[in-house]
């Protein structure tokens, strides 16, 4: 089975109304139709829930739309992977390598590294810092 690790930023772009939203809809749809299994560290669920509640709180999404977005998170059947000792050590190593204070991004990197798959993100700074071909940026047109 072929995996792709996706960060929470891609899902934010999928659910938040903006002019390039269709890019993310097509991207996820294309991956699923190509037979990829999407995965993320369990931290993804916390990040998504927090983002949806913030968008509802600040009026970027209605309560109804927020609940629909939350349901979508489970309809996509993203495999959430709990960190074990190996994942935690890999995340620690990435955090040290990138000279970061927090390890959140490092858990995505550790999972992609373990699954030997691409990590897709909207975080250009992360892609530039890691400088590995398997860490890929989803770009929007200018």
N, C-alpha and C. Protein backbone atom coordinates (compact mmCIF):
# COMPACT_ATOMS: atom_id res chain seq x y z
N UNK A 1 0.85 -1.18 0.00
CA UNK A 1 0.00 0.00 0.00
C UNK A 1 0.89 1.24 0.00
N UNK A 2 0.53 2.20 -0.81
CA UNK A 2 1.29 3.45 -0.88
C UNK A 2 0.66 4.49 0.03
N UNK A 3 1.50 5.10 0.84
CA UNK A 3 1.05 6.12 1.79
C UNK A 3 1.48 7.50 1.35
N UNK A 4 0.76 8.49 1.83
CA UNK A 4 1.17 9.88 1.79
C UNK A 4 0.88 10.45 3.17
N UNK A 5 1.84 11.15 3.72
CA UNK A 5 1.61 11.86 4.98
C UNK A 5 1.19 13.28 4.62
N UNK A 6 0.12 13.74 5.25
CA UNK A 6 -0.32 15.12 5.00
C UNK A 6 -0.36 15.87 6.32
N UNK A 7 0.05 17.12 6.26
CA UNK A 7 0.00 17.90 7.49
C UNK A 7 -1.36 18.58 7.62
N UNK A 8 -1.60 19.12 8.79
CA UNK A 8 -2.90 19.74 9.07
C UNK A 8 -3.15 20.96 8.18
N UNK A 9 -2.08 21.62 7.76
CA UNK A 9 -2.24 22.80 6.90
C UNK A 9 -2.98 22.51 5.61
N UNK A 10 -2.76 21.34 5.04
CA UNK A 10 -3.47 20.96 3.81
C UNK A 10 -4.96 20.84 4.10
N UNK A 11 -5.30 20.25 5.22
CA UNK A 11 -6.71 20.11 5.55
C UNK A 11 -7.35 21.47 5.85
N UNK A 12 -6.60 22.37 6.50
CA UNK A 12 -7.14 23.72 6.74
C UNK A 12 -7.50 24.37 5.41
N UNK A 13 -6.61 24.22 4.43
CA UNK A 13 -6.85 24.81 3.11
C UNK A 13 -8.01 24.13 2.39
N UNK A 14 -8.24 22.87 2.72
CA UNK A 14 -9.35 22.13 2.13
C UNK A 14 -10.69 22.63 2.65
N UNK A 15 -10.77 22.96 3.94
CA UNK A 15 -12.06 23.31 4.53
C UNK A 15 -12.32 24.81 4.63
N UNK A 16 -11.27 25.63 4.69
CA UNK A 16 -11.46 27.07 4.85
C UNK A 16 -11.79 27.70 3.50
N UNK A 17 -12.88 28.44 3.43
CA UNK A 17 -13.24 29.08 2.16
C UNK A 17 -12.16 30.09 1.72
N UNK A 18 -11.65 29.91 0.51
CA UNK A 18 -10.68 30.84 -0.07
C UNK A 18 -10.65 30.57 -1.58
N UNK A 19 -10.03 31.45 -2.32
CA UNK A 19 -10.11 31.38 -3.78
C UNK A 19 -9.38 30.18 -4.39
N UNK A 20 -8.48 29.55 -3.67
CA UNK A 20 -7.74 28.40 -4.19
C UNK A 20 -8.19 27.08 -3.58
N UNK A 21 -9.33 27.08 -2.94
CA UNK A 21 -9.82 25.89 -2.25
C UNK A 21 -9.94 24.69 -3.19
N UNK A 22 -10.33 24.91 -4.42
CA UNK A 22 -10.52 23.82 -5.37
C UNK A 22 -9.23 23.05 -5.62
N UNK A 23 -8.09 23.72 -5.53
CA UNK A 23 -6.80 23.05 -5.70
C UNK A 23 -6.68 21.91 -4.69
N UNK A 24 -7.08 22.17 -3.46
CA UNK A 24 -6.95 21.19 -2.39
C UNK A 24 -7.99 20.08 -2.51
N UNK A 25 -9.17 20.43 -2.95
CA UNK A 25 -10.20 19.43 -3.19
C UNK A 25 -9.72 18.46 -4.27
N UNK A 26 -9.21 19.02 -5.37
CA UNK A 26 -8.72 18.18 -6.48
C UNK A 26 -7.51 17.35 -6.06
N UNK A 27 -6.64 17.93 -5.26
CA UNK A 27 -5.44 17.23 -4.81
C UNK A 27 -5.80 16.00 -3.98
N UNK A 28 -6.64 16.18 -2.97
CA UNK A 28 -7.05 15.06 -2.11
C UNK A 28 -7.79 14.02 -2.94
N UNK A 29 -8.70 14.48 -3.78
CA UNK A 29 -9.46 13.56 -4.63
C UNK A 29 -8.52 12.76 -5.53
N UNK A 30 -7.54 13.42 -6.11
CA UNK A 30 -6.58 12.74 -6.98
C UNK A 30 -5.77 11.69 -6.23
N UNK A 31 -5.34 12.03 -5.04
CA UNK A 31 -4.58 11.07 -4.25
C UNK A 31 -5.42 9.84 -3.91
N UNK A 32 -6.65 10.08 -3.50
CA UNK A 32 -7.52 8.96 -3.12
C UNK A 32 -7.85 8.09 -4.34
N UNK A 33 -8.12 8.74 -5.48
CA UNK A 33 -8.42 7.98 -6.70
C UNK A 33 -7.21 7.20 -7.19
N UNK A 34 -6.01 7.71 -6.92
CA UNK A 34 -4.79 7.00 -7.31
C UNK A 34 -4.46 5.85 -6.36
N UNK A 35 -5.25 5.70 -5.30
CA UNK A 35 -5.07 4.58 -4.39
C UNK A 35 -4.16 4.84 -3.21
N UNK A 36 -3.79 6.10 -3.00
CA UNK A 36 -2.95 6.41 -1.85
C UNK A 36 -3.76 6.33 -0.56
N UNK A 37 -3.09 5.91 0.49
CA UNK A 37 -3.67 5.91 1.84
C UNK A 37 -3.05 7.10 2.56
N UNK A 38 -3.90 8.02 3.03
CA UNK A 38 -3.41 9.21 3.71
C UNK A 38 -3.19 8.91 5.18
N UNK A 39 -2.09 9.43 5.72
CA UNK A 39 -1.80 9.21 7.13
C UNK A 39 -1.24 10.49 7.75
N UNK A 40 -1.33 10.54 9.06
CA UNK A 40 -0.83 11.68 9.83
C UNK A 40 -0.64 11.22 11.27
N UNK A 41 0.23 11.91 11.99
CA UNK A 41 0.33 11.59 13.42
C UNK A 41 -0.96 11.99 14.13
N UNK A 42 -1.24 11.38 15.27
CA UNK A 42 -2.50 11.67 15.99
C UNK A 42 -2.63 13.14 16.32
N UNK A 43 -1.55 13.83 16.41
CA UNK A 43 -1.57 15.27 16.66
C UNK A 43 -2.44 15.99 15.63
N UNK A 44 -2.55 15.44 14.45
CA UNK A 44 -3.36 16.01 13.36
C UNK A 44 -4.79 16.25 13.82
N UNK A 45 -5.38 15.29 14.53
CA UNK A 45 -6.77 15.43 14.98
C UNK A 45 -6.94 16.61 15.93
N UNK A 46 -5.96 16.82 16.79
CA UNK A 46 -6.01 17.95 17.72
C UNK A 46 -5.89 19.27 16.96
N UNK A 47 -4.98 19.30 16.00
CA UNK A 47 -4.78 20.53 15.21
C UNK A 47 -6.03 20.86 14.40
N UNK A 48 -6.64 19.86 13.80
CA UNK A 48 -7.85 20.07 12.99
C UNK A 48 -9.00 20.56 13.87
N UNK A 49 -9.22 19.89 14.98
CA UNK A 49 -10.31 20.29 15.88
C UNK A 49 -10.11 21.72 16.36
N UNK A 50 -8.91 22.05 16.73
CA UNK A 50 -8.62 23.41 17.19
C UNK A 50 -8.85 24.44 16.08
N UNK A 51 -8.41 24.12 14.88
CA UNK A 51 -8.57 25.05 13.75
C UNK A 51 -10.05 25.27 13.44
N UNK A 52 -10.83 24.20 13.44
CA UNK A 52 -12.26 24.33 13.15
C UNK A 52 -12.95 25.18 14.22
N UNK A 53 -12.65 24.91 15.49
CA UNK A 53 -13.28 25.70 16.55
C UNK A 53 -12.88 27.17 16.46
N UNK A 54 -11.65 27.45 16.10
CA UNK A 54 -11.22 28.85 15.93
C UNK A 54 -11.96 29.51 14.77
N UNK A 55 -12.08 28.78 13.65
CA UNK A 55 -12.77 29.36 12.49
C UNK A 55 -14.23 29.65 12.81
N UNK A 56 -14.87 28.78 13.56
CA UNK A 56 -16.26 29.01 13.97
C UNK A 56 -16.32 30.18 14.94
N UNK A 57 -15.43 30.20 15.90
CA UNK A 57 -15.42 31.26 16.91
C UNK A 57 -15.25 32.64 16.27
N UNK A 58 -14.36 32.74 15.29
CA UNK A 58 -14.07 34.02 14.65
C UNK A 58 -14.94 34.31 13.43
N UNK A 59 -15.93 33.45 13.18
CA UNK A 59 -16.89 33.71 12.12
C UNK A 59 -16.43 33.38 10.71
N UNK A 60 -15.34 32.67 10.57
CA UNK A 60 -14.90 32.26 9.22
C UNK A 60 -15.70 31.08 8.72
N UNK A 61 -16.29 30.31 9.64
CA UNK A 61 -17.18 29.20 9.31
C UNK A 61 -18.40 29.31 10.22
N UNK A 62 -19.56 28.95 9.69
CA UNK A 62 -20.74 28.87 10.54
C UNK A 62 -20.62 27.63 11.41
N UNK A 63 -21.42 27.55 12.44
CA UNK A 63 -21.40 26.36 13.30
C UNK A 63 -21.73 25.12 12.48
N UNK A 64 -22.72 25.23 11.60
CA UNK A 64 -23.11 24.10 10.75
C UNK A 64 -21.97 23.68 9.84
N UNK A 65 -21.35 24.65 9.19
CA UNK A 65 -20.24 24.35 8.29
C UNK A 65 -19.05 23.77 9.07
N UNK A 66 -18.83 24.28 10.27
CA UNK A 66 -17.77 23.74 11.11
C UNK A 66 -18.00 22.28 11.45
N UNK A 67 -19.23 21.95 11.77
CA UNK A 67 -19.56 20.55 12.08
C UNK A 67 -19.41 19.67 10.83
N UNK A 68 -19.79 20.20 9.67
CA UNK A 68 -19.62 19.45 8.42
C UNK A 68 -18.14 19.23 8.13
N UNK A 69 -17.33 20.24 8.38
CA UNK A 69 -15.89 20.12 8.17
C UNK A 69 -15.31 19.07 9.11
N UNK A 70 -15.79 19.06 10.34
CA UNK A 70 -15.32 18.08 11.31
C UNK A 70 -15.68 16.67 10.85
N UNK A 71 -16.91 16.50 10.32
CA UNK A 71 -17.31 15.18 9.81
C UNK A 71 -16.43 14.76 8.64
N UNK A 72 -16.06 15.72 7.81
CA UNK A 72 -15.21 15.43 6.65
C UNK A 72 -13.88 14.84 7.10
N UNK A 73 -13.37 15.29 8.24
CA UNK A 73 -12.08 14.78 8.71
C UNK A 73 -12.12 13.27 8.88
N UNK A 74 -13.27 12.74 9.26
CA UNK A 74 -13.38 11.30 9.47
C UNK A 74 -13.80 10.57 8.20
N UNK A 75 -14.50 11.26 7.30
CA UNK A 75 -14.88 10.64 6.03
C UNK A 75 -13.67 10.40 5.14
N UNK A 76 -12.65 11.21 5.29
CA UNK A 76 -11.43 11.03 4.48
C UNK A 76 -10.65 9.79 4.89
N UNK A 77 -10.97 9.24 6.05
CA UNK A 77 -10.33 8.03 6.55
C UNK A 77 -8.80 8.16 6.59
N UNK A 78 -8.34 9.27 7.11
CA UNK A 78 -6.91 9.46 7.28
C UNK A 78 -6.46 8.58 8.44
N UNK A 79 -5.47 7.77 8.20
CA UNK A 79 -4.96 6.89 9.24
C UNK A 79 -4.15 7.72 10.23
N UNK A 80 -4.63 7.81 11.45
CA UNK A 80 -3.91 8.55 12.48
C UNK A 80 -3.01 7.59 13.24
N UNK A 81 -1.73 7.92 13.28
CA UNK A 81 -0.73 7.03 13.84
C UNK A 81 -0.23 7.60 15.17
N UNK A 82 -0.43 6.82 16.23
CA UNK A 82 0.07 7.23 17.54
C UNK A 82 1.57 7.04 17.59
N UNK A 83 2.27 7.99 18.19
CA UNK A 83 3.72 7.84 18.24
C UNK A 83 4.14 6.75 19.22
N UNK A 84 5.05 5.94 18.79
CA UNK A 84 5.68 4.97 19.69
C UNK A 84 7.08 5.52 20.00
N UNK A 85 7.88 4.73 20.67
CA UNK A 85 9.21 5.20 21.06
C UNK A 85 10.06 5.57 19.85
N UNK A 86 9.98 4.73 18.81
CA UNK A 86 10.76 5.00 17.59
C UNK A 86 10.35 6.33 16.97
N UNK A 87 9.04 6.56 16.86
CA UNK A 87 8.55 7.81 16.27
C UNK A 87 8.98 9.01 17.11
N UNK A 88 8.88 8.87 18.42
CA UNK A 88 9.26 9.98 19.30
C UNK A 88 10.75 10.30 19.15
N UNK A 89 11.60 9.28 19.07
CA UNK A 89 13.03 9.51 18.90
C UNK A 89 13.33 10.14 17.54
N UNK A 90 12.63 9.69 16.51
CA UNK A 90 12.83 10.30 15.18
C UNK A 90 12.38 11.76 15.20
N UNK A 91 11.26 12.03 15.86
CA UNK A 91 10.78 13.42 15.96
C UNK A 91 11.80 14.27 16.72
N UNK A 92 12.34 13.73 17.78
CA UNK A 92 13.36 14.44 18.54
C UNK A 92 14.57 14.75 17.66
N UNK A 93 14.99 13.76 16.88
CA UNK A 93 16.14 13.95 15.99
C UNK A 93 15.85 15.04 14.95
N UNK A 94 14.65 15.04 14.38
CA UNK A 94 14.29 16.08 13.41
C UNK A 94 14.25 17.45 14.07
N UNK A 95 13.73 17.51 15.26
CA UNK A 95 13.65 18.80 15.98
C UNK A 95 15.05 19.34 16.23
N UNK A 96 15.95 18.47 16.63
CA UNK A 96 17.34 18.89 16.85
C UNK A 96 18.00 19.29 15.53
N UNK A 97 17.81 18.48 14.51
CA UNK A 97 18.42 18.75 13.20
C UNK A 97 17.97 20.10 12.64
N UNK A 98 16.69 20.42 12.85
CA UNK A 98 16.14 21.68 12.33
C UNK A 98 16.32 22.85 13.30
N UNK A 99 16.90 22.56 14.45
CA UNK A 99 17.15 23.57 15.48
C UNK A 99 15.86 24.30 15.86
N UNK A 100 14.84 23.48 16.14
CA UNK A 100 13.54 24.02 16.51
C UNK A 100 13.28 23.84 17.99
N UNK A 101 12.37 24.63 18.50
CA UNK A 101 11.98 24.54 19.91
C UNK A 101 10.86 23.52 20.08
N UNK A 102 9.90 23.52 19.16
CA UNK A 102 8.75 22.62 19.23
C UNK A 102 8.92 21.47 18.25
N UNK A 103 8.29 20.34 18.57
CA UNK A 103 8.46 19.12 17.77
C UNK A 103 7.25 18.77 16.90
N UNK A 104 6.27 19.65 16.81
CA UNK A 104 5.05 19.30 16.08
C UNK A 104 5.33 18.86 14.65
N UNK A 105 6.01 19.70 13.88
CA UNK A 105 6.33 19.35 12.49
C UNK A 105 7.19 18.09 12.42
N UNK A 106 8.01 17.89 13.42
CA UNK A 106 8.92 16.74 13.43
C UNK A 106 8.18 15.41 13.49
N UNK A 107 7.01 15.39 14.11
CA UNK A 107 6.24 14.14 14.13
C UNK A 107 5.72 13.79 12.73
N UNK A 108 5.37 14.80 11.94
CA UNK A 108 4.98 14.55 10.54
C UNK A 108 6.18 14.01 9.76
N UNK A 109 7.34 14.62 9.95
CA UNK A 109 8.55 14.17 9.28
C UNK A 109 8.91 12.75 9.68
N UNK A 110 8.82 12.45 10.97
CA UNK A 110 9.15 11.11 11.46
C UNK A 110 8.22 10.06 10.87
N UNK A 111 6.94 10.39 10.77
CA UNK A 111 5.99 9.43 10.21
C UNK A 111 6.28 9.18 8.73
N UNK A 112 6.48 10.24 7.98
CA UNK A 112 6.78 10.07 6.55
C UNK A 112 8.07 9.29 6.34
N UNK A 113 9.05 9.58 7.17
CA UNK A 113 10.33 8.87 7.08
C UNK A 113 10.13 7.38 7.37
N UNK A 114 9.37 7.07 8.40
CA UNK A 114 9.12 5.67 8.77
C UNK A 114 8.34 4.94 7.69
N UNK A 115 7.32 5.60 7.14
CA UNK A 115 6.49 4.98 6.10
C UNK A 115 7.15 5.04 4.73
N UNK A 116 8.29 5.71 4.65
CA UNK A 116 9.00 5.89 3.38
C UNK A 116 8.08 6.46 2.31
N UNK A 117 7.45 7.56 2.69
CA UNK A 117 6.51 8.20 1.76
C UNK A 117 6.72 9.71 1.79
N UNK A 118 6.06 10.39 0.90
CA UNK A 118 6.14 11.84 0.85
C UNK A 118 5.34 12.46 1.98
N UNK A 119 5.83 13.59 2.45
CA UNK A 119 5.08 14.46 3.35
C UNK A 119 4.67 15.67 2.54
N UNK A 120 3.38 15.90 2.45
CA UNK A 120 2.85 17.05 1.74
C UNK A 120 2.44 18.11 2.75
N UNK A 121 2.82 19.34 2.46
CA UNK A 121 2.58 20.45 3.38
C UNK A 121 2.33 21.75 2.61
N UNK A 122 1.79 22.73 3.30
CA UNK A 122 1.66 24.08 2.76
C UNK A 122 2.69 25.01 3.40
N UNK A 123 3.56 24.44 4.20
CA UNK A 123 4.54 25.20 4.97
C UNK A 123 5.87 25.29 4.20
N UNK A 124 6.03 26.39 3.47
CA UNK A 124 7.23 26.59 2.65
C UNK A 124 8.50 26.61 3.52
N UNK A 125 8.41 27.21 4.70
CA UNK A 125 9.59 27.27 5.57
C UNK A 125 10.04 25.87 5.99
N UNK A 126 9.08 24.99 6.26
CA UNK A 126 9.43 23.61 6.60
C UNK A 126 10.12 22.92 5.43
N UNK A 127 9.53 23.04 4.26
CA UNK A 127 10.11 22.42 3.06
C UNK A 127 11.55 22.91 2.85
N UNK A 128 11.75 24.21 2.97
CA UNK A 128 13.09 24.78 2.78
C UNK A 128 14.06 24.32 3.87
N UNK A 129 13.59 24.24 5.10
CA UNK A 129 14.46 23.84 6.21
C UNK A 129 14.89 22.38 6.09
N UNK A 130 13.95 21.52 5.69
CA UNK A 130 14.25 20.09 5.61
C UNK A 130 15.09 19.79 4.36
N UNK A 131 14.75 20.42 3.25
CA UNK A 131 15.49 20.25 1.99
C UNK A 131 15.67 18.79 1.59
N UNK A 132 14.57 18.04 1.63
CA UNK A 132 14.56 16.64 1.20
C UNK A 132 13.51 16.50 0.09
N UNK A 133 13.77 15.70 -0.94
CA UNK A 133 12.82 15.59 -2.04
C UNK A 133 11.48 14.97 -1.64
N UNK A 134 11.43 14.27 -0.54
CA UNK A 134 10.18 13.63 -0.11
C UNK A 134 9.30 14.56 0.72
N UNK A 135 9.78 15.76 1.02
CA UNK A 135 8.97 16.78 1.69
C UNK A 135 8.54 17.77 0.62
N UNK A 136 7.25 17.75 0.33
CA UNK A 136 6.74 18.45 -0.84
C UNK A 136 5.76 19.55 -0.48
N UNK A 137 5.84 20.62 -1.22
CA UNK A 137 5.02 21.80 -0.99
C UNK A 137 3.84 21.84 -1.95
N UNK A 138 2.66 22.09 -1.42
CA UNK A 138 1.50 22.36 -2.27
C UNK A 138 1.50 23.86 -2.49
N UNK A 139 1.67 24.25 -3.73
CA UNK A 139 1.74 25.68 -4.06
C UNK A 139 0.45 26.16 -4.69
N UNK A 140 0.13 27.40 -4.38
CA UNK A 140 -1.04 28.05 -4.98
C UNK A 140 -0.55 29.02 -6.03
N UNK A 141 -1.35 29.24 -7.09
CA UNK A 141 -0.95 30.23 -8.08
C UNK A 141 -0.88 31.62 -7.45
N UNK A 142 -0.02 32.45 -8.00
CA UNK A 142 0.15 33.82 -7.47
C UNK A 142 -1.08 34.67 -7.73
